[in-house]
Each structure stands twice: as C-alpha cells, then as structure tokens.
C-alpha cells in the first residue's frame, strides 16, 4: 500500500461512511422503513445504528495499518489520520442513534 493510500485510509473510510449513512437515511425515509417497528425501535434506526457501529469499528481496525508503516514519520501520520477519521465517524454518525431519522 502506498504512503498516500495508507495515510488517507481513515479519512476515506469516514467520507464513505458519512455518505452511506446519509444515503441509507434518505432511502429509509422514502421507503417507509421508519414506520416498521422491531424490538422497541424502527427498522431504519436499527439499520443506521448497526451501520454506524460497523463503520466506527472498521475505522478503529485500520489502526493495524500503523504497525506496517516503514518509517516513524509514516507511522505517526497514519496514526493521526486514522484516529481523526474514526473520531469524525463517531461524532458525525452519532445523530443516527440520538435523533429521529425522518421529520
């Protein structure tokens, strides 16, 4: 994996995850997934929260990339951008668990 791909992987995952959550929310509201109740919550809520948790877990799993870095500088940059992506995923995705999905 090249230096650029390795150092930007966490932020790319965040951008993908943010877009995926936004698309799922739009599809869920359009197709009525927010009206189907399962185990005390809606189908849309379950889907969004499960996707968000999977994305945060994937972001943290990218921390393994820091071990395979060839230099100390690359290791520090990869660690910083991966943590930034995972943190951004945690913060920007949290409304799926805390707020209503459809107005």
N, C-alpha and C. Protein backbone atom coordinates (compact mmCIF):
# COMPACT_ATOMS: atom_id res chain seq x y z
N UNK A 1 0.85 -1.16 0.00
CA UNK A 1 0.00 0.00 0.00
C UNK A 1 0.90 1.23 0.00
N UNK A 2 0.59 2.18 -0.82
CA UNK A 2 1.43 3.35 -0.91
C UNK A 2 1.23 4.26 0.29
N UNK A 3 2.15 5.18 0.46
CA UNK A 3 2.10 6.11 1.58
C UNK A 3 0.80 6.93 1.56
N UNK A 4 0.43 7.42 0.41
CA UNK A 4 -0.78 8.25 0.31
C UNK A 4 -2.04 7.46 0.66
N UNK A 5 -2.16 6.26 0.14
CA UNK A 5 -3.33 5.44 0.44
C UNK A 5 -3.37 5.06 1.92
N UNK A 6 -2.23 4.73 2.48
CA UNK A 6 -2.18 4.32 3.88
C UNK A 6 -2.54 5.48 4.81
N UNK A 7 -2.01 6.66 4.52
CA UNK A 7 -2.26 7.79 5.41
C UNK A 7 -3.65 8.37 5.25
N UNK A 8 -4.30 8.16 4.14
CA UNK A 8 -5.64 8.72 3.94
C UNK A 8 -6.75 7.69 4.12
N UNK A 9 -6.45 6.47 4.44
CA UNK A 9 -7.46 5.42 4.54
C UNK A 9 -8.52 5.73 5.58
N UNK A 10 -8.14 6.24 6.75
CA UNK A 10 -9.12 6.56 7.79
C UNK A 10 -10.08 7.65 7.36
N UNK A 11 -9.58 8.66 6.70
CA UNK A 11 -10.44 9.76 6.25
C UNK A 11 -11.30 9.34 5.06
N UNK A 12 -10.78 8.47 4.22
CA UNK A 12 -11.59 7.95 3.11
C UNK A 12 -12.72 7.10 3.65
N UNK A 13 -12.44 6.27 4.65
CA UNK A 13 -13.49 5.47 5.27
C UNK A 13 -14.55 6.37 5.91
N UNK A 14 -14.14 7.46 6.56
CA UNK A 14 -15.09 8.39 7.15
C UNK A 14 -15.98 8.99 6.06
N UNK A 15 -15.40 9.44 4.95
CA UNK A 15 -16.19 10.04 3.87
C UNK A 15 -17.16 9.03 3.28
N UNK A 16 -16.72 7.80 3.09
CA UNK A 16 -17.60 6.75 2.60
C UNK A 16 -18.72 6.49 3.59
N UNK A 17 -18.38 6.37 4.86
CA UNK A 17 -19.37 6.09 5.89
C UNK A 17 -20.39 7.19 6.03
N UNK A 18 -19.95 8.43 6.00
CA UNK A 18 -20.86 9.56 6.09
C UNK A 18 -21.84 9.54 4.92
N UNK A 19 -21.34 9.30 3.73
CA UNK A 19 -22.20 9.22 2.55
C UNK A 19 -23.16 8.04 2.62
N UNK A 20 -22.68 6.91 3.10
CA UNK A 20 -23.52 5.72 3.24
C UNK A 20 -24.66 5.95 4.23
N UNK A 21 -24.34 6.53 5.38
CA UNK A 21 -25.38 6.80 6.38
C UNK A 21 -26.42 7.79 5.85
N UNK A 22 -25.96 8.80 5.16
CA UNK A 22 -26.86 9.80 4.59
C UNK A 22 -27.77 9.15 3.54
N UNK A 23 -27.21 8.29 2.71
CA UNK A 23 -27.99 7.61 1.67
C UNK A 23 -28.99 6.64 2.30
N UNK A 24 -28.58 5.90 3.32
CA UNK A 24 -29.50 4.98 3.99
C UNK A 24 -30.64 5.72 4.66
N UNK A 25 -30.33 6.86 5.26
CA UNK A 25 -31.39 7.64 5.89
C UNK A 25 -32.40 8.12 4.84
N UNK A 26 -31.92 8.62 3.73
CA UNK A 26 -32.81 9.07 2.67
C UNK A 26 -33.66 7.94 2.10
N UNK A 27 -33.04 6.80 1.87
CA UNK A 27 -33.79 5.65 1.35
C UNK A 27 -34.80 5.15 2.37
N UNK A 28 -34.39 5.10 3.64
CA UNK A 28 -35.28 4.62 4.69
C UNK A 28 -36.50 5.51 4.87
N UNK A 29 -36.29 6.82 4.79
CA UNK A 29 -37.43 7.75 4.90
C UNK A 29 -38.32 7.65 3.67
N UNK A 30 -37.73 7.51 2.51
CA UNK A 30 -38.52 7.45 1.28
C UNK A 30 -39.33 6.16 1.18
N UNK A 31 -38.78 5.05 1.65
CA UNK A 31 -39.46 3.77 1.51
C UNK A 31 -40.23 3.33 2.76
N UNK A 32 -40.31 4.18 3.76
CA UNK A 32 -41.12 3.89 4.94
C UNK A 32 -40.50 2.95 5.95
N UNK A 33 -39.18 2.80 5.95
CA UNK A 33 -38.54 1.92 6.92
C UNK A 33 -38.69 2.46 8.34
N UNK A 34 -38.96 3.76 8.47
CA UNK A 34 -39.11 4.37 9.78
C UNK A 34 -40.47 4.05 10.41
N UNK A 35 -41.35 3.40 9.67
CA UNK A 35 -42.67 3.03 10.19
C UNK A 35 -42.75 1.56 10.62
N UNK A 36 -41.70 0.79 10.36
CA UNK A 36 -41.66 -0.63 10.71
C UNK A 36 -40.96 -0.76 12.06
N UNK A 37 -41.68 -1.24 13.07
CA UNK A 37 -41.13 -1.34 14.42
C UNK A 37 -40.63 -2.75 14.71
N UNK A 38 -39.40 -2.81 15.24
CA UNK A 38 -38.76 -4.07 15.64
C UNK A 38 -38.07 -3.89 16.98
N UNK A 39 -38.42 -4.70 17.96
CA UNK A 39 -37.73 -4.72 19.25
C UNK A 39 -37.60 -3.34 19.89
N UNK A 40 -38.65 -2.56 19.86
CA UNK A 40 -38.65 -1.26 20.53
C UNK A 40 -38.08 -0.10 19.74
N UNK A 41 -37.66 -0.32 18.52
CA UNK A 41 -37.16 0.76 17.67
C UNK A 41 -37.62 0.48 16.25
N UNK A 42 -37.34 1.41 15.36
CA UNK A 42 -37.75 1.20 13.97
C UNK A 42 -36.67 0.46 13.20
N UNK A 43 -37.07 -0.12 12.09
CA UNK A 43 -36.12 -0.81 11.21
C UNK A 43 -35.03 0.14 10.75
N UNK A 44 -35.41 1.36 10.43
CA UNK A 44 -34.44 2.34 9.97
C UNK A 44 -33.42 2.65 11.07
N UNK A 45 -33.88 2.81 12.29
CA UNK A 45 -32.97 3.10 13.41
C UNK A 45 -31.99 1.95 13.60
N UNK A 46 -32.49 0.71 13.59
CA UNK A 46 -31.61 -0.45 13.73
C UNK A 46 -30.57 -0.50 12.62
N UNK A 47 -31.00 -0.25 11.40
CA UNK A 47 -30.09 -0.29 10.26
C UNK A 47 -29.03 0.80 10.35
N UNK A 48 -29.44 2.00 10.69
CA UNK A 48 -28.49 3.11 10.78
C UNK A 48 -27.50 2.92 11.92
N UNK A 49 -27.97 2.50 13.07
CA UNK A 49 -27.08 2.32 14.22
C UNK A 49 -26.11 1.16 13.96
N UNK A 50 -26.59 0.06 13.40
CA UNK A 50 -25.71 -1.08 13.09
C UNK A 50 -24.65 -0.69 12.07
N UNK A 51 -25.04 0.06 11.06
CA UNK A 51 -24.09 0.51 10.04
C UNK A 51 -23.07 1.45 10.65
N UNK A 52 -23.53 2.37 11.48
CA UNK A 52 -22.63 3.33 12.13
C UNK A 52 -21.62 2.61 13.02
N UNK A 53 -22.08 1.66 13.83
CA UNK A 53 -21.16 0.92 14.70
C UNK A 53 -20.16 0.10 13.91
N UNK A 54 -20.61 -0.49 12.81
CA UNK A 54 -19.70 -1.24 11.94
C UNK A 54 -18.64 -0.32 11.34
N UNK A 55 -19.04 0.87 10.94
CA UNK A 55 -18.09 1.83 10.37
C UNK A 55 -17.08 2.31 11.41
N UNK A 56 -17.53 2.59 12.64
CA UNK A 56 -16.61 3.01 13.69
C UNK A 56 -15.62 1.88 14.00
N UNK A 57 -16.12 0.67 14.07
CA UNK A 57 -15.26 -0.48 14.32
C UNK A 57 -14.24 -0.66 13.20
N UNK A 58 -14.69 -0.47 11.98
CA UNK A 58 -13.77 -0.57 10.83
C UNK A 58 -12.71 0.52 10.90
N UNK A 59 -13.10 1.71 11.31
CA UNK A 59 -12.13 2.79 11.45
C UNK A 59 -11.07 2.48 12.49
N UNK A 60 -11.50 1.91 13.60
CA UNK A 60 -10.54 1.54 14.63
C UNK A 60 -9.68 0.35 14.19
N UNK A 61 -10.24 -0.53 13.38
CA UNK A 61 -9.47 -1.67 12.86
C UNK A 61 -8.34 -1.21 11.93
N UNK A 62 -8.52 -0.03 11.35
CA UNK A 62 -7.47 0.49 10.48
C UNK A 62 -6.21 0.85 11.26
N UNK A 63 -6.32 0.90 12.56
CA UNK A 63 -5.13 1.19 13.37
C UNK A 63 -4.03 0.15 13.15
N UNK A 64 -4.42 -1.01 12.68
CA UNK A 64 -3.41 -2.05 12.39
C UNK A 64 -2.47 -1.60 11.28
N UNK A 65 -2.92 -0.66 10.45
CA UNK A 65 -2.05 -0.16 9.39
C UNK A 65 -0.82 0.54 9.95
N UNK A 66 -0.96 1.10 11.13
CA UNK A 66 0.18 1.84 11.68
C UNK A 66 1.36 0.92 11.99
N UNK A 67 1.08 -0.34 12.25
CA UNK A 67 2.16 -1.28 12.55
C UNK A 67 3.01 -1.60 11.34
N UNK A 68 2.41 -1.55 10.16
CA UNK A 68 3.15 -1.93 8.96
C UNK A 68 3.83 -0.75 8.28
N UNK A 69 3.83 0.40 8.92
CA UNK A 69 4.49 1.57 8.34
C UNK A 69 6.00 1.37 8.34
N UNK A 70 6.63 1.87 7.30
CA UNK A 70 8.07 1.64 7.15
C UNK A 70 8.92 2.64 7.92
N UNK A 71 8.40 3.81 8.24
CA UNK A 71 9.19 4.79 8.98
C UNK A 71 8.38 5.34 10.15
N UNK A 72 9.08 5.97 11.07
CA UNK A 72 8.41 6.55 12.23
C UNK A 72 7.48 7.69 11.83
N UNK A 73 7.91 8.50 10.88
CA UNK A 73 7.07 9.60 10.39
C UNK A 73 5.78 9.06 9.78
N UNK A 74 5.90 8.06 8.94
CA UNK A 74 4.72 7.46 8.30
C UNK A 74 3.80 6.86 9.36
N UNK A 75 4.37 6.24 10.36
CA UNK A 75 3.58 5.64 11.43
C UNK A 75 2.78 6.71 12.19
N UNK A 76 3.42 7.82 12.50
CA UNK A 76 2.74 8.89 13.23
C UNK A 76 1.64 9.55 12.40
N UNK A 77 1.92 9.79 11.13
CA UNK A 77 0.92 10.42 10.26
C UNK A 77 -0.27 9.48 10.05
N UNK A 78 0.01 8.21 9.81
CA UNK A 78 -1.07 7.23 9.63
C UNK A 78 -1.91 7.11 10.89
N UNK A 79 -1.27 7.08 12.05
CA UNK A 79 -2.00 7.01 13.31
C UNK A 79 -2.89 8.25 13.50
N UNK A 80 -2.35 9.42 13.22
CA UNK A 80 -3.12 10.65 13.40
C UNK A 80 -4.32 10.72 12.47
N UNK A 81 -4.13 10.39 11.20
CA UNK A 81 -5.26 10.49 10.27
C UNK A 81 -6.29 9.38 10.50
N UNK A 82 -5.84 8.21 10.93
CA UNK A 82 -6.78 7.13 11.24
C UNK A 82 -7.61 7.48 12.46
N UNK A 83 -6.98 8.01 13.49
CA UNK A 83 -7.73 8.44 14.67
C UNK A 83 -8.68 9.59 14.34
N UNK A 84 -8.24 10.50 13.48
CA UNK A 84 -9.12 11.60 13.06
C UNK A 84 -10.34 11.08 12.32
N UNK A 85 -10.13 10.11 11.42
CA UNK A 85 -11.26 9.53 10.69
C UNK A 85 -12.20 8.77 11.60
N UNK A 86 -11.66 7.98 12.54
CA UNK A 86 -12.51 7.23 13.47
C UNK A 86 -13.26 8.18 14.40
N UNK A 87 -12.59 9.22 14.86
CA UNK A 87 -13.24 10.20 15.71
C UNK A 87 -14.34 10.96 14.97
N UNK A 88 -14.05 11.33 13.73
CA UNK A 88 -15.06 12.01 12.92
C UNK A 88 -16.25 11.10 12.66
N UNK A 89 -15.99 9.83 12.44
CA UNK A 89 -17.07 8.87 12.23
C UNK A 89 -17.92 8.75 13.48
N UNK A 90 -17.29 8.71 14.63
CA UNK A 90 -18.01 8.61 15.90
C UNK A 90 -18.89 9.84 16.12
N UNK A 91 -18.35 11.02 15.88
CA UNK A 91 -19.08 12.26 16.14
C UNK A 91 -20.15 12.53 15.09
N UNK A 92 -19.80 12.45 13.82
CA UNK A 92 -20.78 12.79 12.78
C UNK A 92 -21.84 11.74 12.58
N UNK A 93 -21.57 10.52 13.02
CA UNK A 93 -22.57 9.46 12.89
C UNK A 93 -23.46 9.33 14.11
N UNK A 94 -23.10 9.95 15.22
CA UNK A 94 -23.88 9.79 16.45
C UNK A 94 -25.32 10.26 16.35
N UNK A 95 -25.69 11.21 15.51
CA UNK A 95 -27.11 11.57 15.42
C UNK A 95 -28.02 10.43 14.97
N UNK A 96 -27.50 9.41 14.32
CA UNK A 96 -28.37 8.29 13.93
C UNK A 96 -28.89 7.55 15.15
N UNK A 97 -28.15 7.61 16.25
CA UNK A 97 -28.59 6.95 17.48
C UNK A 97 -29.32 7.90 18.42
N UNK A 98 -29.15 9.20 18.21
CA UNK A 98 -29.65 10.17 19.19
C UNK A 98 -30.87 10.96 18.74
N UNK A 99 -31.12 11.05 17.44
CA UNK A 99 -32.20 11.88 16.95
C UNK A 99 -33.15 11.06 16.08
N UNK A 100 -34.29 11.66 15.74
CA UNK A 100 -35.22 10.97 14.84
C UNK A 100 -34.69 11.04 13.42
N UNK A 101 -34.92 9.99 12.67
CA UNK A 101 -34.35 9.90 11.33
C UNK A 101 -35.17 10.67 10.29
N UNK A 102 -36.47 10.68 10.42
CA UNK A 102 -37.33 11.31 9.42
C UNK A 102 -38.19 12.37 10.10
N UNK A 103 -38.32 13.49 9.43
CA UNK A 103 -39.13 14.58 10.01
C UNK A 103 -40.57 14.48 9.57
